[in-house]
Protein backbone atom coordinates (compact mmCIF):
# COMPACT_ATOMS: atom_id res chain seq x y z
CA MET A 1 23.83 -3.39 -19.14
CA ALA A 2 21.02 -4.79 -21.40
CA GLU A 3 17.73 -3.38 -21.00
CA THR A 4 16.36 -6.67 -19.89
CA THR A 5 18.82 -7.09 -16.94
CA PRO A 6 17.05 -6.24 -13.57
CA VAL A 7 18.33 -3.57 -11.32
CA VAL A 8 17.92 -6.01 -8.43
CA GLU A 9 17.56 -9.74 -8.38
CA MET A 10 17.32 -11.53 -5.10
CA ARG A 11 17.51 -15.39 -5.22
CA ASN A 12 16.16 -17.80 -2.59
CA ILE A 13 16.95 -15.43 0.30
CA LYS A 14 16.66 -17.18 3.78
CA LYS A 15 16.98 -15.48 7.13
CA ASN A 16 16.50 -16.99 10.54
CA PHE A 17 16.30 -15.42 14.01
CA GLY A 18 16.78 -18.39 16.38
CA GLY A 19 14.41 -20.88 15.86
CA VAL A 20 12.03 -18.37 13.75
CA GLN A 21 12.26 -18.66 9.92
CA ALA A 22 11.75 -14.99 8.86
CA LEU A 23 12.56 -15.55 5.24
CA ARG A 24 11.89 -19.10 3.76
CA GLY A 25 13.53 -18.77 0.04
CA VAL A 26 12.24 -15.45 -1.21
CA ASP A 27 12.92 -14.45 -4.82
CA LEU A 28 12.49 -10.77 -6.03
CA VAL A 29 13.33 -9.04 -9.32
CA LEU A 30 13.19 -5.13 -9.57
CA HIS A 31 13.63 -3.62 -13.02
CA LYS A 32 14.68 -0.28 -14.03
CA ASN A 33 12.00 2.59 -14.01
CA GLU A 34 9.67 0.41 -12.10
CA VAL A 35 7.60 0.69 -8.85
CA LEU A 36 7.39 -2.75 -7.02
CA GLY A 37 4.79 -2.81 -4.01
CA LEU A 38 5.51 -5.29 -1.30
CA VAL A 39 2.55 -6.10 0.88
CA GLY A 40 1.85 -8.73 3.70
CA ASP A 41 0.59 -9.08 7.17
CA ASN A 42 2.75 -8.26 10.26
CA ALA A 43 5.64 -10.62 10.46
CA ALA A 44 5.19 -11.71 6.80
CA GLY A 45 8.94 -11.02 6.14
CA LYS A 46 8.71 -7.56 4.06
CA SER A 47 10.94 -5.48 6.40
CA THR A 48 13.32 -8.32 6.95
CA LEU A 49 13.74 -8.79 3.08
CA MET A 50 14.40 -5.18 2.52
CA LYS A 51 16.69 -5.02 5.36
CA VAL A 52 18.85 -7.52 3.75
CA LEU A 53 18.72 -5.76 0.60
CA SER A 54 19.68 -2.57 2.38
CA GLY A 55 22.42 -4.19 4.43
CA ALA A 56 21.06 -4.03 7.67
CA TYR A 57 20.85 -7.78 7.91
CA ILE A 58 23.09 -10.45 6.23
CA PRO A 59 21.04 -13.48 4.78
CA ASP A 60 21.86 -17.04 5.91
CA GLU A 61 21.40 -18.27 2.45
CA GLY A 62 20.67 -16.82 -1.05
CA GLU A 63 22.35 -14.56 -3.65
CA ILE A 64 21.73 -10.86 -4.68
CA PHE A 65 22.48 -9.46 -7.99
CA ILE A 66 22.66 -5.65 -8.76
CA GLU A 67 22.66 -4.87 -12.63
CA GLY A 68 23.62 -8.33 -13.19
CA SER A 69 26.64 -8.71 -10.93
CA LYS A 70 26.56 -10.81 -7.83
CA VAL A 71 27.26 -8.65 -4.82
CA ASN A 72 27.75 -9.30 -1.13
CA ILE A 73 25.84 -6.52 0.96
CA THR A 74 27.30 -6.62 4.49
CA SER A 75 26.31 -3.48 5.74
CA PRO A 76 24.23 -0.28 4.95
CA MET A 77 27.34 1.44 3.93
CA ARG A 78 27.97 -1.29 1.24
CA ALA A 79 24.29 -1.04 0.08
CA ARG A 80 24.68 2.82 -0.20
CA GLN A 81 27.81 2.22 -2.40
CA LEU A 82 25.81 0.10 -4.74
CA GLY A 83 23.06 2.71 -4.97
CA ILE A 84 20.46 1.23 -2.64
CA GLU A 85 18.93 3.68 -0.14
CA MET A 86 16.10 2.76 2.44
CA VAL A 87 13.79 5.27 3.76
CA TYR A 88 12.45 4.02 7.09
CA GLN A 89 9.18 4.58 8.71
CA ASP A 90 10.63 6.83 11.44
CA LEU A 91 12.45 9.03 8.65
CA ALA A 92 15.72 9.53 10.74
CA LEU A 93 15.58 13.21 10.26
CA ALA A 94 17.53 15.63 12.51
CA ASP A 95 14.58 17.88 13.66
CA ASN A 96 16.90 20.77 14.94
CA LEU A 97 18.58 21.22 11.54
CA ASP A 98 17.42 22.68 8.43
CA VAL A 99 16.34 21.05 5.08
CA THR A 100 19.61 21.42 3.40
CA ALA A 101 21.57 19.86 6.55
CA ASN A 102 19.36 17.04 6.52
CA VAL A 103 19.86 16.40 2.69
CA PHE A 104 23.58 16.45 3.25
CA LEU A 105 23.63 14.79 6.57
CA GLY A 106 26.88 12.50 6.59
CA ARG A 107 27.74 13.82 3.14
CA GLU A 108 28.49 17.51 3.93
CA LEU A 109 30.44 19.56 1.35
CA LEU A 110 33.66 21.41 2.60
CA SER A 111 34.94 24.70 1.12
CA ARG A 112 38.24 24.72 2.86
CA LYS A 113 40.26 23.24 5.69
CA PHE A 114 42.49 24.95 8.17
CA GLY A 115 44.65 22.10 9.64
CA PRO A 116 42.23 19.94 11.67
CA ILE A 117 39.30 22.57 11.17
CA SER A 118 36.73 22.09 8.30
CA VAL A 119 34.47 24.80 6.79
CA LEU A 120 31.09 23.72 5.40
CA ASP A 121 30.31 25.06 1.97
CA LYS A 122 26.83 25.99 3.10
CA HIS A 123 26.18 27.84 -0.16
CA THR A 124 26.77 25.30 -2.56
CA MET A 125 24.78 22.74 -0.33
CA GLU A 126 21.81 25.07 -0.38
CA GLN A 127 21.89 25.48 -4.20
CA GLU A 128 22.12 21.73 -4.65
CA THR A 129 19.17 21.29 -2.21
CA LYS A 130 16.87 23.56 -4.16
CA ARG A 131 17.78 22.02 -7.35
CA LEU A 132 17.07 18.58 -6.03
CA LEU A 133 13.72 20.00 -4.64
CA ASP A 134 12.80 21.83 -7.82
CA ARG A 135 13.63 18.63 -9.90
CA LEU A 136 11.37 16.39 -7.69
CA LYS A 137 8.63 19.11 -7.47
CA ILE A 138 8.81 19.20 -3.83
CA ASP A 139 7.20 22.38 -2.16
CA ILE A 140 9.07 23.52 0.63
CA PRO A 141 9.06 27.24 1.94
CA SER A 142 12.83 27.44 2.25
CA VAL A 143 15.81 24.97 2.54
CA ARG A 144 16.78 27.02 5.65
CA ALA A 145 13.58 25.91 7.52
CA ASN A 146 13.95 23.30 10.27
CA VAL A 147 12.32 20.17 9.46
CA GLU A 148 10.67 20.27 12.89
CA ARG A 149 8.39 23.04 11.32
CA LEU A 150 7.39 21.10 8.24
CA SER A 151 4.25 19.00 7.80
CA GLY A 152 4.43 15.26 7.78
CA GLY A 153 4.05 15.09 4.09
CA GLN A 154 6.96 17.36 3.68
CA ARG A 155 9.03 15.77 6.07
CA GLN A 156 8.55 12.39 4.22
CA ALA A 157 9.42 14.16 1.03
CA ILE A 158 12.61 15.33 2.28
CA ALA A 159 13.54 11.99 3.61
CA ILE A 160 12.74 10.42 0.11
CA ALA A 161 14.79 13.35 -1.59
CA ARG A 162 17.77 12.82 0.68
CA ALA A 163 17.66 9.00 -0.29
CA THR A 164 17.54 9.86 -4.08
CA ALA A 165 19.99 12.69 -4.14
CA PHE A 166 23.24 10.66 -4.65
CA ASP A 167 23.11 8.52 -7.72
CA THR A 168 20.71 6.21 -6.24
CA LYS A 169 19.66 3.06 -8.36
CA VAL A 170 17.07 1.64 -5.79
CA THR A 171 15.04 3.61 -3.30
CA ILE A 172 13.10 1.44 -0.53
CA MET A 173 10.24 3.17 1.12
CA ASP A 174 8.96 1.45 4.36
CA GLU A 175 5.28 2.54 4.98
CA PRO A 176 5.71 6.05 3.30
CA THR A 177 2.06 7.28 3.85
CA ALA A 178 1.58 5.88 7.39
CA ALA A 179 0.05 8.34 9.86
CA LEU A 180 -0.32 10.90 7.02
CA SER A 181 -3.39 12.79 6.20
CA VAL A 182 -5.09 12.16 2.78
CA ALA A 183 -3.52 15.41 1.43
CA ALA A 184 -0.07 14.53 2.57
CA SER A 185 -0.23 11.02 1.24
CA GLY A 186 -1.36 12.29 -2.11
CA MET A 187 1.85 14.54 -1.94
CA VAL A 188 4.02 11.65 -1.27
CA LEU A 189 2.41 9.49 -4.14
CA ASP A 190 2.94 12.31 -6.51
CA LEU A 191 6.63 12.26 -5.55
CA VAL A 192 6.70 8.46 -6.18
CA ARG A 193 5.37 9.08 -9.65
CA GLU A 194 7.90 11.75 -10.31
CA LEU A 195 10.70 9.66 -9.28
CA LYS A 196 9.42 6.79 -11.35
CA ALA A 197 9.01 9.29 -14.30
CA GLN A 198 12.68 10.21 -13.96
CA GLY A 199 13.77 6.75 -14.29
CA ASN A 200 13.97 5.67 -10.64
CA SER A 201 13.36 2.24 -9.37
CA ILE A 202 11.36 2.02 -6.24
CA ILE A 203 10.19 -0.80 -3.79
CA ILE A 204 7.28 0.38 -1.51
CA ILE A 205 6.35 -1.46 1.61
CA SER A 206 2.84 -0.72 2.46
CA HIS A 207 -0.25 -1.77 4.47
CA ARG A 208 -2.33 0.68 2.42
CA LEU A 209 -3.33 -1.43 -0.70
CA GLU A 210 -4.91 1.68 -2.15
CA ASP A 211 -1.46 3.45 -2.32
CA ILE A 212 0.11 0.32 -3.97
CA TYR A 213 -2.53 0.23 -6.49
CA GLU A 214 -2.26 4.00 -7.17
CA VAL A 215 1.63 3.88 -7.91
CA SER A 216 2.95 0.37 -8.34
CA ASP A 217 3.74 -1.59 -11.51
CA ARG A 218 3.79 -5.00 -9.93
CA LEU A 219 3.02 -6.56 -6.66
CA ILE A 220 4.62 -9.20 -4.41
CA VAL A 221 2.68 -10.57 -1.50
CA LEU A 222 4.52 -12.25 1.40
CA ARG A 223 3.16 -14.69 3.95
CA GLN A 224 4.90 -16.19 6.90
CA GLY A 225 8.46 -15.59 5.09
CA ARG A 226 7.40 -16.82 1.70
CA LYS A 227 6.33 -15.27 -1.56
CA VAL A 228 2.78 -16.44 -2.30
CA ARG A 229 1.77 -13.94 -5.02
CA GLU A 230 3.46 -11.92 -7.74
CA CYS A 231 1.48 -10.19 -10.31
CA PRO A 232 1.02 -6.88 -12.38
CA VAL A 233 -1.11 -4.15 -10.69
CA ILE A 234 -4.19 -4.27 -13.11
CA GLY A 235 -8.09 -4.14 -12.95
CA GLU A 236 -10.42 -2.20 -10.65
CA LEU A 237 -9.40 -1.31 -7.02
CA ASP A 238 -12.24 -3.25 -5.36
CA GLU A 239 -11.09 -6.44 -7.23
CA PHE A 240 -7.44 -5.85 -6.67
CA ARG A 241 -7.84 -5.40 -2.98
CA GLU A 242 -10.02 -8.60 -2.57
CA GLN A 243 -7.67 -10.60 -4.53
CA VAL A 244 -4.60 -9.44 -2.46
CA VAL A 245 -6.24 -9.81 0.91
CA ALA A 246 -6.95 -13.56 -0.09
CA TYR A 247 -3.19 -13.93 -0.46
CA ILE A 248 -2.44 -12.04 2.60
CA ILE A 249 -4.78 -14.05 4.97
CA GLY A 250 -3.60 -17.51 3.36
CA ALA A 251 -6.83 -18.19 1.36
CA ARG A 252 -4.77 -18.35 -1.89
CA ASP A 253 -1.12 -19.20 -2.57
CA ASP A 254 0.27 -19.36 -6.06
CA PHE A 255 3.51 -21.17 -4.89
CA ALA A 256 2.24 -23.68 -2.74
CA GLU A 257 3.05 -26.61 -4.70
CA SER A 258 6.69 -25.65 -4.93
CA ARG A 259 7.55 -24.72 -1.30
CA LEU A 260 8.59 -28.16 -0.29
CA GLY A 261 11.70 -27.88 -2.53
CA ARG A 262 12.60 -24.47 -1.15
CA SER A 263 11.93 -24.78 2.57
């Protein structure tokens, strides 16, 4: 694969729900070792676009390319096979299970089988979980601790670690710092930086523009199912916030003149 080939390229993605046009021909490119921020008001199309990429929705029109090859993503399982994982806002963690069990949930390792009975390889899974957390610099008291006893930031870190544990090419994070304290949010943002440092490609959906500013290389703004702004994340925070808000509320639109040919 050439270095210039995007990890993900989405072209002219459209999705309707009855009479509602959720996505009106959206393009998106994600490069290797890049953090892409995806912002917009409620119902802008952010989550819908990412659910198309992660296989939860099938687009009505458009094409998706992974590392230059056209793919059909028809289910979350297919997306996972292609190396795409999404961490949803509700995390989907099993509170009654420990850290190791959550990391390997649905991908458990077996040590042996006795007819229809399988025995879990708990030792190997624990060792692999420890190595994963150490590599990502995630501080957890014990991999045997039930996740219900962890802080909000630690729980978010475990969900992200699980998503990146199995040869993941793209990690999508839906509001990863929502409802977290300042300290917990900082821990999650540090994890994003660490993932990027290790070569991961990440898309972050967030209403917190400060978080996007802190960790993102580029930004895409959606409004009413259309892309209205795409730019690198540069400049001072206050200037960045002011410009982005103008696009979110519709005061500015970089693609207004071309929308008639794509609607």
